[in-house]
Each structure stands twice: as structure tokens, then as C-alpha cells.
mmCIF file of all heavy atoms, coordinates in Angstrom:
data_MODEL
# 
_entry.id   MODEL 
# 
loop_
_atom_site.group_PDB 
_atom_site.id 
_atom_site.type_symbol 
_atom_site.label_atom_id 
_atom_site.label_alt_id 
_atom_site.label_comp_id 
_atom_site.label_asym_id 
_atom_site.label_entity_id 
_atom_site.label_seq_id 
_atom_site.pdbx_PDB_ins_code 
_atom_site.Cartn_x 
_atom_site.Cartn_y 
_atom_site.Cartn_z 
_atom_site.occupancy 
_atom_site.B_iso_or_equiv 
_atom_site.pdbx_formal_charge 
_atom_site.auth_seq_id 
_atom_site.auth_comp_id 
_atom_site.auth_asym_id 
_atom_site.auth_atom_id 
_atom_site.pdbx_PDB_model_num 
ATOM 1   N N   . VAL A 1 1  ? -18.929 108.529 -61.006 1.00 0.00 ? 1  VAL A N   1 
ATOM 2   C CA  . VAL A 1 1  ? -18.128 108.163 -62.186 1.00 0.00 ? 1  VAL A CA  1 
ATOM 3   C C   . VAL A 1 1  ? -17.004 109.109 -62.395 1.00 0.00 ? 1  VAL A C   1 
ATOM 4   O O   . VAL A 1 1  ? -15.912 108.644 -62.916 1.00 0.00 ? 1  VAL A O   1 
ATOM 5   C CB  . VAL A 1 1  ? -19.047 108.151 -63.479 1.00 0.00 ? 1  VAL A CB  1 
ATOM 6   C CG1 . VAL A 1 1  ? -18.379 107.933 -64.724 1.00 0.00 ? 1  VAL A CG1 1 
ATOM 7   C CG2 . VAL A 1 1  ? -20.142 107.030 -63.289 1.00 0.00 ? 1  VAL A CG2 1 
ATOM 8   N N   . SER A 1 2  ? -17.143 110.359 -62.054 1.00 0.00 ? 2  SER A N   1 
ATOM 9   C CA  . SER A 1 2  ? -16.097 111.313 -62.283 1.00 0.00 ? 2  SER A CA  1 
ATOM 10  C C   . SER A 1 2  ? -14.832 110.993 -61.390 1.00 0.00 ? 2  SER A C   1 
ATOM 11  O O   . SER A 1 2  ? -13.684 111.444 -61.774 1.00 0.00 ? 2  SER A O   1 
ATOM 12  C CB  . SER A 1 2  ? -16.570 112.737 -61.825 1.00 0.00 ? 2  SER A CB  1 
ATOM 13  O OG  . SER A 1 2  ? -16.667 112.909 -60.524 1.00 0.00 ? 2  SER A OG  1 
ATOM 14  N N   . PHE A 1 3  ? -14.964 110.240 -60.436 1.00 0.00 ? 3  PHE A N   1 
ATOM 15  C CA  . PHE A 1 3  ? -13.728 109.791 -59.625 1.00 0.00 ? 3  PHE A CA  1 
ATOM 16  C C   . PHE A 1 3  ? -12.906 108.810 -60.363 1.00 0.00 ? 3  PHE A C   1 
ATOM 17  O O   . PHE A 1 3  ? -11.732 108.674 -60.135 1.00 0.00 ? 3  PHE A O   1 
ATOM 18  C CB  . PHE A 1 3  ? -14.153 109.204 -58.286 1.00 0.00 ? 3  PHE A CB  1 
ATOM 19  C CG  . PHE A 1 3  ? -14.796 110.214 -57.344 1.00 0.00 ? 3  PHE A CG  1 
ATOM 20  C CD1 . PHE A 1 3  ? -16.069 109.950 -56.907 1.00 0.00 ? 3  PHE A CD1 1 
ATOM 21  C CD2 . PHE A 1 3  ? -14.078 111.296 -56.873 1.00 0.00 ? 3  PHE A CD2 1 
ATOM 22  C CE1 . PHE A 1 3  ? -16.683 110.846 -56.011 1.00 0.00 ? 3  PHE A CE1 1 
ATOM 23  C CE2 . PHE A 1 3  ? -14.712 112.191 -55.980 1.00 0.00 ? 3  PHE A CE2 1 
ATOM 24  C CZ  . PHE A 1 3  ? -16.002 111.932 -55.565 1.00 0.00 ? 3  PHE A CZ  1 
ATOM 25  N N   . GLY A 1 4  ? -13.477 108.118 -61.288 1.00 0.00 ? 4  GLY A N   1 
ATOM 26  C CA  . GLY A 1 4  ? -12.862 107.057 -62.090 1.00 0.00 ? 4  GLY A CA  1 
ATOM 27  C C   . GLY A 1 4  ? -13.371 105.707 -61.626 1.00 0.00 ? 4  GLY A C   1 
ATOM 28  O O   . GLY A 1 4  ? -14.188 105.680 -60.675 1.00 0.00 ? 4  GLY A O   1 
ATOM 29  N N   . PRO A 1 5  ? -12.888 104.590 -62.121 1.00 0.00 ? 5  PRO A N   1 
ATOM 30  C CA  . PRO A 1 5  ? -13.347 103.296 -61.641 1.00 0.00 ? 5  PRO A CA  1 
ATOM 31  C C   . PRO A 1 5  ? -12.955 103.070 -60.082 1.00 0.00 ? 5  PRO A C   1 
ATOM 32  O O   . PRO A 1 5  ? -11.875 103.369 -59.724 1.00 0.00 ? 5  PRO A O   1 
ATOM 33  C CB  . PRO A 1 5  ? -12.471 102.344 -62.514 1.00 0.00 ? 5  PRO A CB  1 
ATOM 34  C CG  . PRO A 1 5  ? -12.194 103.141 -63.779 1.00 0.00 ? 5  PRO A CG  1 
ATOM 35  C CD  . PRO A 1 5  ? -11.986 104.427 -63.262 1.00 0.00 ? 5  PRO A CD  1 
ATOM 36  N N   . ARG A 1 6  ? -13.947 102.686 -59.352 1.00 0.00 ? 6  ARG A N   1 
ATOM 37  C CA  . ARG A 1 6  ? -13.924 102.581 -57.875 1.00 0.00 ? 6  ARG A CA  1 
ATOM 38  C C   . ARG A 1 6  ? -13.407 101.239 -57.561 1.00 0.00 ? 6  ARG A C   1 
ATOM 39  O O   . ARG A 1 6  ? -14.018 100.404 -56.769 1.00 0.00 ? 6  ARG A O   1 
ATOM 40  C CB  . ARG A 1 6  ? -15.226 102.908 -57.210 1.00 0.00 ? 6  ARG A CB  1 
ATOM 41  C CG  . ARG A 1 6  ? -15.490 104.428 -57.133 1.00 0.00 ? 6  ARG A CG  1 
ATOM 42  C CD  . ARG A 1 6  ? -16.127 105.023 -58.410 1.00 0.00 ? 6  ARG A CD  1 
ATOM 43  N NE  . ARG A 1 6  ? -17.383 104.474 -58.757 1.00 0.00 ? 6  ARG A NE  1 
ATOM 44  C CZ  . ARG A 1 6  ? -17.833 104.397 -60.019 1.00 0.00 ? 6  ARG A CZ  1 
ATOM 45  N NH1 . ARG A 1 6  ? -17.097 104.731 -60.982 1.00 0.00 ? 6  ARG A NH1 1 
ATOM 46  N NH2 . ARG A 1 6  ? -19.073 103.896 -60.230 1.00 0.00 ? 6  ARG A NH2 1 
ATOM 47  N N   . VAL A 1 7  ? -12.185 100.945 -57.945 1.00 0.00 ? 7  VAL A N   1 
ATOM 48  C CA  . VAL A 1 7  ? -11.561 99.659  -57.701 1.00 0.00 ? 7  VAL A CA  1 
ATOM 49  C C   . VAL A 1 7  ? -10.738 99.717  -56.411 1.00 0.00 ? 7  VAL A C   1 
ATOM 50  O O   . VAL A 1 7  ? -10.166 100.670 -56.113 1.00 0.00 ? 7  VAL A O   1 
ATOM 51  C CB  . VAL A 1 7  ? -10.601 99.177  -58.847 1.00 0.00 ? 7  VAL A CB  1 
ATOM 52  C CG1 . VAL A 1 7  ? -9.888  97.904  -58.547 1.00 0.00 ? 7  VAL A CG1 1 
ATOM 53  C CG2 . VAL A 1 7  ? -11.307 99.153  -60.152 1.00 0.00 ? 7  VAL A CG2 1 
ATOM 54  N N   . LEU A 1 8  ? -10.907 98.670  -55.608 1.00 0.00 ? 8  LEU A N   1 
ATOM 55  C CA  . LEU A 1 8  ? -10.315 98.634  -54.243 1.00 0.00 ? 8  LEU A CA  1 
ATOM 56  C C   . LEU A 1 8  ? -8.834  98.949  -54.369 1.00 0.00 ? 8  LEU A C   1 
ATOM 57  O O   . LEU A 1 8  ? -8.131  98.502  -55.215 1.00 0.00 ? 8  LEU A O   1 
ATOM 58  C CB  . LEU A 1 8  ? -10.372 97.231  -53.598 1.00 0.00 ? 8  LEU A CB  1 
ATOM 59  C CG  . LEU A 1 8  ? -11.830 96.901  -52.975 1.00 0.00 ? 8  LEU A CG  1 
ATOM 60  C CD1 . LEU A 1 8  ? -12.922 96.623  -54.044 1.00 0.00 ? 8  LEU A CD1 1 
ATOM 61  C CD2 . LEU A 1 8  ? -11.687 95.816  -51.989 1.00 0.00 ? 8  LEU A CD2 1 
ATOM 62  N N   . GLY A 1 9  ? -8.401  99.721  -53.430 1.00 0.00 ? 9  GLY A N   1 
ATOM 63  C CA  . GLY A 1 9  ? -6.944  100.122 -53.324 1.00 0.00 ? 9  GLY A CA  1 
ATOM 64  C C   . GLY A 1 9  ? -6.553  101.287 -54.249 1.00 0.00 ? 9  GLY A C   1 
ATOM 65  O O   . GLY A 1 9  ? -5.367  101.700 -54.200 1.00 0.00 ? 9  GLY A O   1 
ATOM 66  N N   . THR A 1 10 ? -7.568  101.961 -54.923 1.00 0.00 ? 10 THR A N   1 
ATOM 67  C CA  . THR A 1 10 ? -7.188  103.040 -55.774 1.00 0.00 ? 10 THR A CA  1 
ATOM 68  C C   . THR A 1 10 ? -7.640  104.383 -55.115 1.00 0.00 ? 10 THR A C   1 
ATOM 69  O O   . THR A 1 10 ? -8.498  104.394 -54.145 1.00 0.00 ? 10 THR A O   1 
ATOM 70  C CB  . THR A 1 10 ? -7.944  102.895 -57.090 1.00 0.00 ? 10 THR A CB  1 
ATOM 71  O OG1 . THR A 1 10 ? -9.319  103.023 -56.897 1.00 0.00 ? 10 THR A OG1 1 
ATOM 72  C CG2 . THR A 1 10 ? -7.563  101.608 -57.825 1.00 0.00 ? 10 THR A CG2 1 
ATOM 73  N N   . ASN A 1 11 ? -7.078  105.455 -55.577 1.00 0.00 ? 11 ASN A N   1 
ATOM 74  C CA  . ASN A 1 11 ? -7.474  106.798 -55.077 1.00 0.00 ? 11 ASN A CA  1 
ATOM 75  C C   . ASN A 1 11 ? -8.938  107.160 -55.391 1.00 0.00 ? 11 ASN A C   1 
ATOM 76  O O   . ASN A 1 11 ? -9.648  107.726 -54.659 1.00 0.00 ? 11 ASN A O   1 
ATOM 77  C CB  . ASN A 1 11 ? -6.583  107.876 -55.736 1.00 0.00 ? 11 ASN A CB  1 
ATOM 78  C CG  . ASN A 1 11 ? -5.150  107.807 -55.251 1.00 0.00 ? 11 ASN A CG  1 
ATOM 79  O OD1 . ASN A 1 11 ? -4.826  107.303 -54.134 1.00 0.00 ? 11 ASN A OD1 1 
ATOM 80  N ND2 . ASN A 1 11 ? -4.268  108.321 -56.042 1.00 0.00 ? 11 ASN A ND2 1 
ATOM 81  N N   . ALA A 1 12 ? -9.371  106.564 -56.508 1.00 0.00 ? 12 ALA A N   1 
ATOM 82  C CA  . ALA A 1 12 ? -10.787 106.789 -56.943 1.00 0.00 ? 12 ALA A CA  1 
ATOM 83  C C   . ALA A 1 12 ? -11.690 106.068 -55.947 1.00 0.00 ? 12 ALA A C   1 
ATOM 84  O O   . ALA A 1 12 ? -12.767 106.623 -55.506 1.00 0.00 ? 12 ALA A O   1 
ATOM 85  C CB  . ALA A 1 12 ? -11.046 106.200 -58.310 1.00 0.00 ? 12 ALA A CB  1 
ATOM 86  N N   . HIS A 1 13 ? -11.354 104.924 -55.507 1.00 0.00 ? 13 HIS A N   1 
ATOM 87  C CA  . HIS A 1 13 ? -12.101 104.153 -54.457 1.00 0.00 ? 13 HIS A CA  1 
ATOM 88  C C   . HIS A 1 13 ? -12.225 104.966 -53.237 1.00 0.00 ? 13 HIS A C   1 
ATOM 89  O O   . HIS A 1 13 ? -13.265 105.144 -52.521 1.00 0.00 ? 13 HIS A O   1 
ATOM 90  C CB  . HIS A 1 13 ? -11.467 102.818 -54.271 1.00 0.00 ? 13 HIS A CB  1 
ATOM 91  C CG  . HIS A 1 13 ? -12.277 101.877 -53.338 1.00 0.00 ? 13 HIS A CG  1 
ATOM 92  N ND1 . HIS A 1 13 ? -11.988 101.750 -51.967 1.00 0.00 ? 13 HIS A ND1 1 
ATOM 93  C CD2 . HIS A 1 13 ? -13.294 101.036 -53.579 1.00 0.00 ? 13 HIS A CD2 1 
ATOM 94  C CE1 . HIS A 1 13 ? -12.791 100.886 -51.404 1.00 0.00 ? 13 HIS A CE1 1 
ATOM 95  N NE2 . HIS A 1 13 ? -13.605 100.440 -52.309 1.00 0.00 ? 13 HIS A NE2 1 
ATOM 96  N N   . GLU A 1 14 ? -11.062 105.415 -52.756 1.00 0.00 ? 14 GLU A N   1 
ATOM 97  C CA  . GLU A 1 14 ? -10.990 106.203 -51.552 1.00 0.00 ? 14 GLU A CA  1 
ATOM 98  C C   . GLU A 1 14 ? -11.854 107.535 -51.610 1.00 0.00 ? 14 GLU A C   1 
ATOM 99  O O   . GLU A 1 14 ? -12.616 107.805 -50.719 1.00 0.00 ? 14 GLU A O   1 
ATOM 100 C CB  . GLU A 1 14 ? -9.525  106.552 -51.213 1.00 0.00 ? 14 GLU A CB  1 
ATOM 101 C CG  . GLU A 1 14 ? -9.302  107.308 -49.929 1.00 0.00 ? 14 GLU A CG  1 
ATOM 102 C CD  . GLU A 1 14 ? -9.618  106.480 -48.646 1.00 0.00 ? 14 GLU A CD  1 
ATOM 103 O OE1 . GLU A 1 14 ? -9.604  105.230 -48.760 1.00 0.00 ? 14 GLU A OE1 1 
ATOM 104 O OE2 . GLU A 1 14 ? -9.810  107.110 -47.525 1.00 0.00 ? 14 GLU A OE2 1 
ATOM 105 N N   . ALA A 1 15 ? -11.737 108.299 -52.703 1.00 0.00 ? 15 ALA A N   1 
ATOM 106 C CA  . ALA A 1 15 ? -12.417 109.496 -52.866 1.00 0.00 ? 15 ALA A CA  1 
ATOM 107 C C   . ALA A 1 15 ? -13.903 109.199 -52.911 1.00 0.00 ? 15 ALA A C   1 
ATOM 108 O O   . ALA A 1 15 ? -14.705 109.979 -52.284 1.00 0.00 ? 15 ALA A O   1 
ATOM 109 C CB  . ALA A 1 15 ? -11.959 110.161 -54.103 1.00 0.00 ? 15 ALA A CB  1 
ATOM 110 N N   . CYS A 1 16 ? -14.343 108.265 -53.641 1.00 0.00 ? 16 CYS A N   1 
ATOM 111 C CA  . CYS A 1 16 ? -15.761 107.981 -53.755 1.00 0.00 ? 16 CYS A CA  1 
ATOM 112 C C   . CYS A 1 16 ? -16.368 107.497 -52.408 1.00 0.00 ? 16 CYS A C   1 
ATOM 113 O O   . CYS A 1 16 ? -17.422 107.864 -52.038 1.00 0.00 ? 16 CYS A O   1 
ATOM 114 C CB  . CYS A 1 16 ? -16.047 106.909 -54.750 1.00 0.00 ? 16 CYS A CB  1 
ATOM 115 S SG  . CYS A 1 16 ? -17.821 106.679 -55.140 1.00 0.00 ? 16 CYS A SG  1 
ATOM 116 N N   . GLY A 1 17 ? -15.554 106.685 -51.620 1.00 0.00 ? 17 GLY A N   1 
ATOM 117 C CA  . GLY A 1 17 ? -16.021 106.281 -50.312 1.00 0.00 ? 17 GLY A CA  1 
ATOM 118 C C   . GLY A 1 17 ? -16.242 107.487 -49.426 1.00 0.00 ? 17 GLY A C   1 
ATOM 119 O O   . GLY A 1 17 ? -17.309 107.501 -48.682 1.00 0.00 ? 17 GLY A O   1 
ATOM 120 N N   . ASN A 1 18 ? -15.369 108.479 -49.491 1.00 0.00 ? 18 ASN A N   1 
ATOM 121 C CA  . ASN A 1 18 ? -15.458 109.671 -48.641 1.00 0.00 ? 18 ASN A CA  1 
ATOM 122 C C   . ASN A 1 18 ? -16.719 110.461 -49.091 1.00 0.00 ? 18 ASN A C   1 
ATOM 123 O O   . ASN A 1 18 ? -17.430 110.986 -48.278 1.00 0.00 ? 18 ASN A O   1 
ATOM 124 C CB  . ASN A 1 18 ? -14.236 110.520 -48.737 1.00 0.00 ? 18 ASN A CB  1 
ATOM 125 C CG  . ASN A 1 18 ? -12.972 109.879 -48.093 1.00 0.00 ? 18 ASN A CG  1 
ATOM 126 O OD1 . ASN A 1 18 ? -13.165 108.978 -47.246 1.00 0.00 ? 18 ASN A OD1 1 
ATOM 127 N ND2 . ASN A 1 18 ? -11.847 110.287 -48.532 1.00 0.00 ? 18 ASN A ND2 1 
ATOM 128 N N   . TYR A 1 19 ? -16.930 110.490 -50.476 1.00 0.00 ? 19 TYR A N   1 
ATOM 129 C CA  . TYR A 1 19 ? -18.084 111.228 -50.967 1.00 0.00 ? 19 TYR A CA  1 
ATOM 130 C C   . TYR A 1 19 ? -19.364 110.647 -50.431 1.00 0.00 ? 19 TYR A C   1 
ATOM 131 O O   . TYR A 1 19 ? -20.275 111.369 -49.957 1.00 0.00 ? 19 TYR A O   1 
ATOM 132 C CB  . TYR A 1 19 ? -18.063 111.246 -52.452 1.00 0.00 ? 19 TYR A CB  1 
ATOM 133 C CG  . TYR A 1 19 ? -19.241 111.658 -53.126 1.00 0.00 ? 19 TYR A CG  1 
ATOM 134 C CD1 . TYR A 1 19 ? -19.647 113.077 -53.100 1.00 0.00 ? 19 TYR A CD1 1 
ATOM 135 C CD2 . TYR A 1 19 ? -20.138 110.826 -53.794 1.00 0.00 ? 19 TYR A CD2 1 
ATOM 136 C CE1 . TYR A 1 19 ? -20.803 113.561 -53.736 1.00 0.00 ? 19 TYR A CE1 1 
ATOM 137 C CE2 . TYR A 1 19 ? -21.316 111.282 -54.447 1.00 0.00 ? 19 TYR A CE2 1 
ATOM 138 C CZ  . TYR A 1 19 ? -21.627 112.626 -54.371 1.00 0.00 ? 19 TYR A CZ  1 
ATOM 139 O OH  . TYR A 1 19 ? -22.790 113.060 -54.978 1.00 0.00 ? 19 TYR A OH  1 
ATOM 140 N N   . LEU A 1 20 ? -19.517 109.292 -50.609 1.00 0.00 ? 20 LEU A N   1 
ATOM 141 C CA  . LEU A 1 20 ? -20.793 108.658 -50.121 1.00 0.00 ? 20 LEU A CA  1 
ATOM 142 C C   . LEU A 1 20 ? -21.019 108.831 -48.718 1.00 0.00 ? 20 LEU A C   1 
ATOM 143 O O   . LEU A 1 20 ? -22.138 109.120 -48.211 1.00 0.00 ? 20 LEU A O   1 
ATOM 144 C CB  . LEU A 1 20 ? -20.691 107.145 -50.484 1.00 0.00 ? 20 LEU A CB  1 
ATOM 145 C CG  . LEU A 1 20 ? -20.706 106.821 -51.975 1.00 0.00 ? 20 LEU A CG  1 
ATOM 146 C CD1 . LEU A 1 20 ? -20.402 105.310 -52.133 1.00 0.00 ? 20 LEU A CD1 1 
ATOM 147 C CD2 . LEU A 1 20 ? -21.924 107.221 -52.714 1.00 0.00 ? 20 LEU A CD2 1 
ATOM 148 N N   . SER A 1 21 ? -20.015 108.707 -47.933 1.00 0.00 ? 21 SER A N   1 
ATOM 149 C CA  . SER A 1 21 ? -20.116 108.895 -46.418 1.00 0.00 ? 21 SER A CA  1 
ATOM 150 C C   . SER A 1 21 ? -20.577 110.347 -46.129 1.00 0.00 ? 21 SER A C   1 
ATOM 151 O O   . SER A 1 21 ? -21.469 110.552 -45.322 1.00 0.00 ? 21 SER A O   1 
ATOM 152 C CB  . SER A 1 21 ? -18.793 108.544 -45.777 1.00 0.00 ? 21 SER A CB  1 
ATOM 153 O OG  . SER A 1 21 ? -18.792 108.853 -44.381 1.00 0.00 ? 21 SER A OG  1 
ATOM 154 N N   . ASP A 1 22 ? -19.885 111.323 -46.780 1.00 0.00 ? 22 ASP A N   1 
ATOM 155 C CA  . ASP A 1 22 ? -20.168 112.676 -46.454 1.00 0.00 ? 22 ASP A CA  1 
ATOM 156 C C   . ASP A 1 22 ? -21.551 113.034 -46.837 1.00 0.00 ? 22 ASP A C   1 
ATOM 157 O O   . ASP A 1 22 ? -22.277 113.844 -46.186 1.00 0.00 ? 22 ASP A O   1 
ATOM 158 C CB  . ASP A 1 22 ? -19.228 113.541 -47.205 1.00 0.00 ? 22 ASP A CB  1 
ATOM 159 C CG  . ASP A 1 22 ? -17.750 113.533 -46.581 1.00 0.00 ? 22 ASP A CG  1 
ATOM 160 O OD1 . ASP A 1 22 ? -17.645 113.020 -45.429 1.00 0.00 ? 22 ASP A OD1 1 
ATOM 161 O OD2 . ASP A 1 22 ? -16.878 113.970 -47.285 1.00 0.00 ? 22 ASP A OD2 1 
ATOM 162 N N   . GLU A 1 23 ? -22.075 112.511 -48.026 1.00 0.00 ? 23 GLU A N   1 
ATOM 163 C CA  . GLU A 1 23 ? -23.420 112.769 -48.453 1.00 0.00 ? 23 GLU A CA  1 
ATOM 164 C C   . GLU A 1 23 ? -24.488 112.246 -47.429 1.00 0.00 ? 23 GLU A C   1 
ATOM 165 O O   . GLU A 1 23 ? -25.420 112.931 -47.131 1.00 0.00 ? 23 GLU A O   1 
ATOM 166 C CB  . GLU A 1 23 ? -23.700 112.253 -49.841 1.00 0.00 ? 23 GLU A CB  1 
ATOM 167 C CG  . GLU A 1 23 ? -22.898 112.966 -50.940 1.00 0.00 ? 23 GLU A CG  1 
ATOM 168 C CD  . GLU A 1 23 ? -23.309 114.486 -51.055 1.00 0.00 ? 23 GLU A CD  1 
ATOM 169 O OE1 . GLU A 1 23 ? -24.397 114.736 -51.744 1.00 0.00 ? 23 GLU A OE1 1 
ATOM 170 O OE2 . GLU A 1 23 ? -22.723 115.353 -50.424 1.00 0.00 ? 23 GLU A OE2 1 
ATOM 171 N N   . LEU A 1 24 ? -24.321 111.071 -46.975 1.00 0.00 ? 24 LEU A N   1 
ATOM 172 C CA  . LEU A 1 24 ? -25.160 110.503 -45.962 1.00 0.00 ? 24 LEU A CA  1 
ATOM 173 C C   . LEU A 1 24 ? -25.299 111.271 -44.800 1.00 0.00 ? 24 LEU A C   1 
ATOM 174 O O   . LEU A 1 24 ? -26.237 111.601 -44.155 1.00 0.00 ? 24 LEU A O   1 
ATOM 175 C CB  . LEU A 1 24 ? -24.805 109.045 -45.656 1.00 0.00 ? 24 LEU A CB  1 
ATOM 176 C CG  . LEU A 1 24 ? -24.959 108.026 -46.780 1.00 0.00 ? 24 LEU A CG  1 
ATOM 177 C CD1 . LEU A 1 24 ? -24.397 106.652 -46.285 1.00 0.00 ? 24 LEU A CD1 1 
ATOM 178 C CD2 . LEU A 1 24 ? -26.471 107.760 -46.959 1.00 0.00 ? 24 LEU A CD2 1 
ATOM 179 N N   . LYS A 1 25 ? -24.012 111.738 -44.315 1.00 0.00 ? 25 LYS A N   1 
ATOM 180 C CA  . LYS A 1 25 ? -24.014 112.645 -43.095 1.00 0.00 ? 25 LYS A CA  1 
ATOM 181 C C   . LYS A 1 25 ? -24.709 113.927 -43.329 1.00 0.00 ? 25 LYS A C   1 
ATOM 182 O O   . LYS A 1 25 ? -25.453 114.434 -42.525 1.00 0.00 ? 25 LYS A O   1 
ATOM 183 C CB  . LYS A 1 25 ? -22.559 112.904 -42.768 1.00 0.00 ? 25 LYS A CB  1 
ATOM 184 C CG  . LYS A 1 25 ? -21.756 111.763 -42.150 1.00 0.00 ? 25 LYS A CG  1 
ATOM 185 C CD  . LYS A 1 25 ? -20.299 112.091 -41.857 1.00 0.00 ? 25 LYS A CD  1 
ATOM 186 C CE  . LYS A 1 25 ? -19.528 110.892 -41.379 1.00 0.00 ? 25 LYS A CE  1 
ATOM 187 N NZ  . LYS A 1 25 ? -18.074 111.204 -41.262 1.00 0.00 ? 25 LYS A NZ  1 
ATOM 188 N N   . ARG A 1 26 ? -24.544 114.528 -44.519 1.00 0.00 ? 26 ARG A N   1 
ATOM 189 C CA  . ARG A 1 26 ? -25.155 115.809 -44.925 1.00 0.00 ? 26 ARG A CA  1 
ATOM 190 C C   . ARG A 1 26 ? -26.690 115.661 -44.892 1.00 0.00 ? 26 ARG A C   1 
ATOM 191 O O   . ARG A 1 26 ? -27.416 116.624 -44.604 1.00 0.00 ? 26 ARG A O   1 
ATOM 192 C CB  . ARG A 1 26 ? -24.638 116.223 -46.331 1.00 0.00 ? 26 ARG A CB  1 
ATOM 193 C CG  . ARG A 1 26 ? -25.112 117.568 -46.757 1.00 0.00 ? 26 ARG A CG  1 
ATOM 194 C CD  . ARG A 1 26 ? -24.299 118.072 -47.875 1.00 0.00 ? 26 ARG A CD  1 
ATOM 195 N NE  . ARG A 1 26 ? -24.596 117.437 -49.094 1.00 0.00 ? 26 ARG A NE  1 
ATOM 196 C CZ  . ARG A 1 26 ? -25.526 117.712 -50.003 1.00 0.00 ? 26 ARG A CZ  1 
ATOM 197 N NH1 . ARG A 1 26 ? -26.338 118.772 -49.788 1.00 0.00 ? 26 ARG A NH1 1 
ATOM 198 N NH2 . ARG A 1 26 ? -25.648 117.039 -51.145 1.00 0.00 ? 26 ARG A NH2 1 
ATOM 199 N N   . PHE A 1 27 ? -27.191 114.445 -45.249 1.00 0.00 ? 27 PHE A N   1 
ATOM 200 C CA  . PHE A 1 27 ? -28.600 114.215 -45.240 1.00 0.00 ? 27 PHE A CA  1 
ATOM 201 C C   . PHE A 1 27 ? -29.196 113.901 -43.956 1.00 0.00 ? 27 PHE A C   1 
ATOM 202 O O   . PHE A 1 27 ? -30.360 113.648 -43.766 1.00 0.00 ? 27 PHE A O   1 
ATOM 203 C CB  . PHE A 1 27 ? -28.960 113.128 -46.273 1.00 0.00 ? 27 PHE A CB  1 
ATOM 204 C CG  . PHE A 1 27 ? -28.607 113.428 -47.689 1.00 0.00 ? 27 PHE A CG  1 
ATOM 205 C CD1 . PHE A 1 27 ? -28.160 112.443 -48.562 1.00 0.00 ? 27 PHE A CD1 1 
ATOM 206 C CD2 . PHE A 1 27 ? -28.512 114.759 -48.192 1.00 0.00 ? 27 PHE A CD2 1 
ATOM 207 C CE1 . PHE A 1 27 ? -27.736 112.721 -49.817 1.00 0.00 ? 27 PHE A CE1 1 
ATOM 208 C CE2 . PHE A 1 27 ? -28.167 115.028 -49.457 1.00 0.00 ? 27 PHE A CE2 1 
ATOM 209 C CZ  . PHE A 1 27 ? -27.766 113.979 -50.273 1.00 0.00 ? 27 PHE A CZ  1 
ATOM 210 N N   . GLY A 1 28 ? -28.284 113.776 -42.872 1.00 0.00 ? 28 GLY A N   1 
ATOM 211 C CA  . GLY A 1 28 ? -28.827 113.560 -41.518 1.00 0.00 ? 28 GLY A CA  1 
ATOM 212 C C   . GLY A 1 28 ? -28.655 112.164 -40.970 1.00 0.00 ? 28 GLY A C   1 
ATOM 213 O O   . GLY A 1 28 ? -29.208 111.903 -39.945 1.00 0.00 ? 28 GLY A O   1 
ATOM 214 N N   . ALA A 1 29 ? -27.941 111.344 -41.733 1.00 0.00 ? 29 ALA A N   1 
ATOM 215 C CA  . ALA A 1 29 ? -27.824 109.931 -41.299 1.00 0.00 ? 29 ALA A CA  1 
ATOM 216 C C   . ALA A 1 29 ? -26.736 109.799 -40.165 1.00 0.00 ? 29 ALA A C   1 
ATOM 217 O O   . ALA A 1 29 ? -25.749 110.622 -40.283 1.00 0.00 ? 29 ALA A O   1 
ATOM 218 C CB  . ALA A 1 29 ? -27.512 109.012 -42.421 1.00 0.00 ? 29 ALA A CB  1 
# 
């Protein structure tokens, strides 16, 4: 939520996508 609304094409969407991907990697996926 801190990134802002995760609407396609926005900086918030890009930042949140990177966060989710990085967290999955950090957990070993």
C-alpha cells in the first residue's frame, strides 16, 4: 500500500512488482 495504487503503467505498479519478485526470491523461490 505504501507504494500507492498499483495501477498498470504507474511507478507504484513497477515498484510493487519489483518488491513482490524480490521477496519471492529472498524466500528461495
